[in-house]
Amino acid sequence: MLDPFFEVCGHHVFVEEPDLPLDDRDAWRFLAISATDDAFPVDGALLQAAMFEADRTASSRVLLRVPDHRGLLLGILNERRWWTVTRARMCSRDILRTFLDAFNLDPCE
């Protein structure tokens, strides 16, 4: 659902699962979302802090802006009920509505 909004500006959405230690993948799964095929580095300490805060507030999803408008880091509880097509659509809608400025998209002509 995100790709058409990136294509208008001559980009494609790139989604990748960052390389994390296996024990960090138990409760949460993370995706790095960017407007290029350049994967941005994922800081393990930041992920630990995000997981702690999300657990503290009973959140099922975390969206973090990557510095310098390089993209978003999406964390979702690693349970099947949170990884559905409907939830993916809701998440992409939230990204478009609230977090589109997190990507370094050139002005559309």
N, C-alpha and C. Protein backbone atom coordinates (compact mmCIF):
# COMPACT_ATOMS: atom_id res chain seq x y z
N MET A 1 0.81 -1.20 0.00
CA MET A 1 0.00 0.00 0.00
C MET A 1 0.85 1.27 0.00
N LEU A 2 2.10 1.18 0.46
CA LEU A 2 2.94 2.38 0.54
C LEU A 2 3.59 2.74 -0.79
N ASP A 3 3.87 1.74 -1.60
CA ASP A 3 4.66 1.98 -2.82
C ASP A 3 4.09 3.05 -3.75
N PRO A 4 2.78 3.12 -4.01
CA PRO A 4 2.29 4.18 -4.90
C PRO A 4 2.62 5.59 -4.42
N PHE A 5 2.64 5.79 -3.12
CA PHE A 5 2.95 7.11 -2.57
C PHE A 5 4.43 7.46 -2.72
N PHE A 6 5.27 6.45 -2.78
CA PHE A 6 6.70 6.66 -3.01
C PHE A 6 6.98 6.82 -4.50
N GLU A 7 6.27 6.07 -5.34
CA GLU A 7 6.49 6.12 -6.79
C GLU A 7 6.20 7.50 -7.37
N VAL A 8 5.25 8.21 -6.79
CA VAL A 8 4.91 9.55 -7.26
C VAL A 8 6.15 10.45 -7.23
N CYS A 9 7.02 10.23 -6.27
CA CYS A 9 8.25 11.02 -6.13
C CYS A 9 9.47 10.31 -6.70
N GLY A 10 9.25 9.24 -7.46
CA GLY A 10 10.36 8.54 -8.09
C GLY A 10 11.12 7.59 -7.19
N HIS A 11 10.50 7.12 -6.12
CA HIS A 11 11.14 6.20 -5.19
C HIS A 11 10.31 4.93 -5.06
N HIS A 12 10.90 3.94 -4.43
CA HIS A 12 10.18 2.72 -4.08
C HIS A 12 10.39 2.47 -2.60
N VAL A 13 9.38 1.94 -1.95
CA VAL A 13 9.51 1.60 -0.54
C VAL A 13 10.36 0.33 -0.43
N PHE A 14 11.25 0.31 0.55
CA PHE A 14 12.13 -0.82 0.78
C PHE A 14 11.93 -1.27 2.23
N VAL A 15 11.54 -2.53 2.41
CA VAL A 15 11.28 -3.07 3.74
C VAL A 15 12.21 -4.25 3.96
N GLU A 16 12.88 -4.24 5.12
CA GLU A 16 13.84 -5.30 5.42
C GLU A 16 13.81 -5.60 6.91
N GLU A 17 14.03 -6.85 7.24
CA GLU A 17 14.14 -7.23 8.64
C GLU A 17 15.59 -7.07 9.07
N PRO A 18 15.86 -6.17 10.03
CA PRO A 18 17.24 -5.95 10.43
C PRO A 18 17.84 -7.17 11.12
N ASP A 19 19.14 -7.30 11.00
CA ASP A 19 19.88 -8.37 11.65
C ASP A 19 19.96 -8.09 13.14
N LEU A 20 19.33 -8.92 13.94
CA LEU A 20 19.34 -8.75 15.39
C LEU A 20 19.77 -10.06 16.04
N PRO A 21 20.34 -9.99 17.22
CA PRO A 21 20.62 -11.24 17.95
C PRO A 21 19.34 -12.03 18.15
N LEU A 22 19.44 -13.33 18.14
CA LEU A 22 18.27 -14.20 18.21
C LEU A 22 17.41 -13.95 19.44
N ASP A 23 18.01 -13.67 20.59
CA ASP A 23 17.21 -13.47 21.80
C ASP A 23 16.36 -12.21 21.74
N ASP A 24 16.75 -11.23 20.91
CA ASP A 24 15.96 -10.02 20.76
C ASP A 24 14.72 -10.24 19.90
N ARG A 25 14.66 -11.34 19.19
CA ARG A 25 13.52 -11.60 18.30
C ARG A 25 12.40 -12.36 18.99
N ASP A 26 12.59 -12.73 20.24
CA ASP A 26 11.58 -13.55 20.90
C ASP A 26 10.23 -12.85 21.02
N ALA A 27 10.21 -11.70 21.64
CA ALA A 27 8.94 -11.03 21.90
C ALA A 27 8.53 -10.05 20.80
N TRP A 28 9.49 -9.49 20.09
CA TRP A 28 9.22 -8.46 19.09
C TRP A 28 9.87 -8.83 17.77
N ARG A 29 9.25 -8.34 16.70
CA ARG A 29 9.87 -8.43 15.36
C ARG A 29 9.92 -7.02 14.82
N PHE A 30 11.05 -6.66 14.20
CA PHE A 30 11.26 -5.32 13.69
C PHE A 30 11.44 -5.33 12.18
N LEU A 31 10.97 -4.26 11.54
CA LEU A 31 11.17 -4.04 10.11
C LEU A 31 11.73 -2.64 9.91
N ALA A 32 12.73 -2.54 9.05
CA ALA A 32 13.30 -1.25 8.68
C ALA A 32 12.63 -0.84 7.37
N ILE A 33 12.04 0.33 7.33
CA ILE A 33 11.31 0.82 6.15
C ILE A 33 12.01 2.08 5.66
N SER A 34 12.42 2.09 4.39
CA SER A 34 13.10 3.26 3.83
C SER A 34 12.64 3.49 2.40
N ALA A 35 13.08 4.62 1.84
CA ALA A 35 12.70 4.96 0.47
C ALA A 35 13.78 4.58 -0.52
N THR A 36 14.79 3.89 -0.08
CA THR A 36 15.87 3.44 -0.96
C THR A 36 16.22 2.01 -0.59
N ASP A 37 17.13 1.43 -1.36
CA ASP A 37 17.56 0.07 -1.00
C ASP A 37 18.78 0.10 -0.09
N ASP A 38 19.11 1.27 0.45
CA ASP A 38 20.18 1.38 1.43
C ASP A 38 19.62 1.09 2.81
N ALA A 39 20.05 -0.01 3.39
CA ALA A 39 19.60 -0.32 4.74
C ALA A 39 20.31 0.60 5.73
N PHE A 40 19.57 1.16 6.64
CA PHE A 40 20.20 2.01 7.65
C PHE A 40 20.59 1.13 8.84
N PRO A 41 21.64 1.53 9.55
CA PRO A 41 22.08 0.73 10.70
C PRO A 41 21.05 0.79 11.82
N VAL A 42 20.84 -0.34 12.45
CA VAL A 42 19.88 -0.42 13.55
C VAL A 42 20.66 -0.58 14.85
N ASP A 43 20.44 0.34 15.76
CA ASP A 43 21.13 0.36 17.04
C ASP A 43 20.43 -0.56 18.03
N GLY A 44 21.13 -1.57 18.50
CA GLY A 44 20.55 -2.53 19.43
C GLY A 44 20.08 -1.90 20.73
N ALA A 45 20.82 -0.89 21.22
CA ALA A 45 20.43 -0.22 22.47
C ALA A 45 19.11 0.52 22.30
N LEU A 46 18.91 1.13 21.14
CA LEU A 46 17.65 1.82 20.85
C LEU A 46 16.49 0.82 20.82
N LEU A 47 16.72 -0.33 20.19
CA LEU A 47 15.67 -1.35 20.14
C LEU A 47 15.33 -1.86 21.53
N GLN A 48 16.33 -2.06 22.36
CA GLN A 48 16.08 -2.51 23.73
C GLN A 48 15.23 -1.49 24.48
N ALA A 49 15.58 -0.20 24.32
CA ALA A 49 14.82 0.86 24.99
C ALA A 49 13.39 0.92 24.46
N ALA A 50 13.22 0.75 23.14
CA ALA A 50 11.88 0.78 22.54
C ALA A 50 11.05 -0.40 23.04
N MET A 51 11.65 -1.59 23.11
CA MET A 51 10.92 -2.75 23.60
C MET A 51 10.53 -2.57 25.07
N PHE A 52 11.44 -2.03 25.87
CA PHE A 52 11.16 -1.81 27.28
C PHE A 52 9.98 -0.84 27.45
N GLU A 53 10.04 0.28 26.72
CA GLU A 53 8.98 1.29 26.84
C GLU A 53 7.64 0.74 26.33
N ALA A 54 7.68 -0.02 25.23
CA ALA A 54 6.45 -0.60 24.70
C ALA A 54 5.87 -1.61 25.68
N ASP A 55 6.72 -2.43 26.28
CA ASP A 55 6.23 -3.39 27.28
C ASP A 55 5.67 -2.66 28.50
N ARG A 56 6.32 -1.58 28.90
CA ARG A 56 5.88 -0.82 30.07
C ARG A 56 4.50 -0.21 29.85
N THR A 57 4.22 0.22 28.61
CA THR A 57 2.94 0.86 28.31
C THR A 57 1.94 -0.09 27.66
N ALA A 58 2.27 -1.37 27.61
CA ALA A 58 1.40 -2.40 27.03
C ALA A 58 1.06 -2.13 25.57
N SER A 59 2.04 -1.69 24.81
CA SER A 59 1.85 -1.42 23.38
C SER A 59 2.09 -2.69 22.57
N SER A 60 1.43 -2.78 21.44
CA SER A 60 1.64 -3.92 20.55
C SER A 60 2.45 -3.51 19.32
N ARG A 61 2.67 -2.19 19.15
CA ARG A 61 3.39 -1.71 17.98
C ARG A 61 4.21 -0.48 18.35
N VAL A 62 5.39 -0.37 17.74
CA VAL A 62 6.28 0.76 17.96
C VAL A 62 6.74 1.27 16.59
N LEU A 63 6.67 2.58 16.39
CA LEU A 63 7.19 3.21 15.18
C LEU A 63 8.21 4.27 15.60
N LEU A 64 9.45 4.12 15.12
CA LEU A 64 10.52 5.04 15.46
C LEU A 64 11.05 5.70 14.20
N ARG A 65 11.16 7.02 14.23
CA ARG A 65 11.76 7.73 13.11
C ARG A 65 13.28 7.56 13.18
N VAL A 66 13.88 7.25 12.04
CA VAL A 66 15.33 7.14 11.95
C VAL A 66 15.87 8.54 11.69
N PRO A 67 16.98 8.93 12.35
CA PRO A 67 17.53 10.28 12.14
C PRO A 67 17.83 10.57 10.67
N ASP A 68 17.83 11.85 10.33
CA ASP A 68 18.15 12.35 8.99
C ASP A 68 17.15 11.90 7.93
N HIS A 69 15.91 11.66 8.33
CA HIS A 69 14.83 11.28 7.38
C HIS A 69 15.20 10.06 6.54
N ARG A 70 15.83 9.10 7.18
CA ARG A 70 16.25 7.89 6.45
C ARG A 70 15.19 6.80 6.49
N GLY A 71 14.11 6.99 7.25
CA GLY A 71 13.05 6.00 7.26
C GLY A 71 12.46 5.77 8.63
N LEU A 72 11.83 4.61 8.77
CA LEU A 72 11.16 4.23 10.01
C LEU A 72 11.62 2.85 10.45
N LEU A 73 11.57 2.65 11.74
CA LEU A 73 11.78 1.33 12.31
C LEU A 73 10.45 0.93 12.93
N LEU A 74 9.89 -0.17 12.47
CA LEU A 74 8.60 -0.65 12.92
C LEU A 74 8.81 -1.90 13.77
N GLY A 75 8.29 -1.88 14.98
CA GLY A 75 8.33 -3.04 15.84
C GLY A 75 6.92 -3.49 16.17
N ILE A 76 6.68 -4.78 16.02
CA ILE A 76 5.36 -5.35 16.31
C ILE A 76 5.58 -6.60 17.15
N LEU A 77 4.70 -6.80 18.13
CA LEU A 77 4.79 -8.01 18.93
C LEU A 77 4.86 -9.24 18.02
N ASN A 78 5.71 -10.16 18.37
CA ASN A 78 5.94 -11.33 17.54
C ASN A 78 4.93 -12.44 17.86
N GLU A 79 3.68 -12.12 17.61
CA GLU A 79 2.59 -13.07 17.75
C GLU A 79 1.75 -13.03 16.48
N ARG A 80 1.30 -14.17 16.07
CA ARG A 80 0.59 -14.27 14.79
C ARG A 80 -0.60 -13.32 14.68
N ARG A 81 -1.31 -13.07 15.76
CA ARG A 81 -2.50 -12.20 15.69
C ARG A 81 -2.17 -10.77 15.32
N TRP A 82 -0.93 -10.32 15.51
CA TRP A 82 -0.53 -8.96 15.17
C TRP A 82 0.01 -8.86 13.75
N TRP A 83 0.27 -10.00 13.10
CA TRP A 83 0.85 -10.01 11.75
C TRP A 83 -0.19 -10.50 10.74
N THR A 84 -1.25 -9.71 10.56
CA THR A 84 -2.30 -10.06 9.62
C THR A 84 -2.34 -9.02 8.50
N VAL A 85 -3.02 -9.35 7.44
CA VAL A 85 -3.17 -8.41 6.33
C VAL A 85 -3.91 -7.15 6.79
N THR A 86 -4.93 -7.33 7.60
CA THR A 86 -5.69 -6.18 8.09
C THR A 86 -4.80 -5.27 8.93
N ARG A 87 -4.01 -5.83 9.82
CA ARG A 87 -3.09 -5.01 10.63
C ARG A 87 -2.04 -4.33 9.76
N ALA A 88 -1.58 -5.00 8.72
CA ALA A 88 -0.61 -4.39 7.81
C ALA A 88 -1.22 -3.18 7.11
N ARG A 89 -2.46 -3.29 6.69
CA ARG A 89 -3.15 -2.16 6.06
C ARG A 89 -3.32 -1.01 7.03
N MET A 90 -3.70 -1.30 8.26
CA MET A 90 -3.86 -0.26 9.27
C MET A 90 -2.52 0.43 9.56
N CYS A 91 -1.47 -0.36 9.62
CA CYS A 91 -0.15 0.20 9.89
C CYS A 91 0.31 1.08 8.73
N SER A 92 0.12 0.63 7.50
CA SER A 92 0.52 1.45 6.35
C SER A 92 -0.29 2.73 6.29
N ARG A 93 -1.56 2.67 6.66
CA ARG A 93 -2.38 3.88 6.70
C ARG A 93 -1.86 4.86 7.75
N ASP A 94 -1.46 4.35 8.90
CA ASP A 94 -0.89 5.21 9.94
C ASP A 94 0.44 5.81 9.50
N ILE A 95 1.25 5.04 8.80
CA ILE A 95 2.53 5.56 8.28
C ILE A 95 2.26 6.69 7.30
N LEU A 96 1.33 6.49 6.39
CA LEU A 96 1.01 7.53 5.40
C LEU A 96 0.45 8.78 6.06
N ARG A 97 -0.38 8.61 7.05
CA ARG A 97 -1.05 9.73 7.70
C ARG A 97 -0.13 10.50 8.65
N THR A 98 0.76 9.80 9.35
CA THR A 98 1.51 10.43 10.43
C THR A 98 3.02 10.44 10.23
N PHE A 99 3.57 9.48 9.50
CA PHE A 99 5.01 9.31 9.47
C PHE A 99 5.64 9.45 8.09
N LEU A 100 4.91 9.95 7.10
CA LEU A 100 5.47 10.06 5.76
C LEU A 100 6.66 11.01 5.72
N ASP A 101 6.69 11.97 6.65
CA ASP A 101 7.81 12.90 6.71
C ASP A 101 9.10 12.25 7.19
N ALA A 102 9.06 11.00 7.62
CA ALA A 102 10.25 10.29 8.09
C ALA A 102 11.14 9.82 6.94
N PHE A 103 10.67 9.98 5.71
CA PHE A 103 11.41 9.51 4.55
C PHE A 103 11.96 10.70 3.77
N ASN A 104 13.14 10.54 3.25
CA ASN A 104 13.79 11.60 2.48
C ASN A 104 13.32 11.54 1.04
N LEU A 105 12.08 11.95 0.82
CA LEU A 105 11.51 11.94 -0.53
C LEU A 105 11.78 13.27 -1.20
N ASP A 106 12.28 13.21 -2.41
CA ASP A 106 12.48 14.45 -3.16
C ASP A 106 11.14 15.08 -3.46
N PRO A 107 11.09 16.40 -3.55
CA PRO A 107 9.82 17.04 -3.90
C PRO A 107 9.28 16.51 -5.23
N CYS A 108 8.04 16.26 -5.25
CA CYS A 108 7.41 15.76 -6.48
C CYS A 108 7.24 16.89 -7.47
N GLU A 109 7.47 16.56 -8.70
CA GLU A 109 7.34 17.58 -9.76
C GLU A 109 6.05 17.39 -10.52
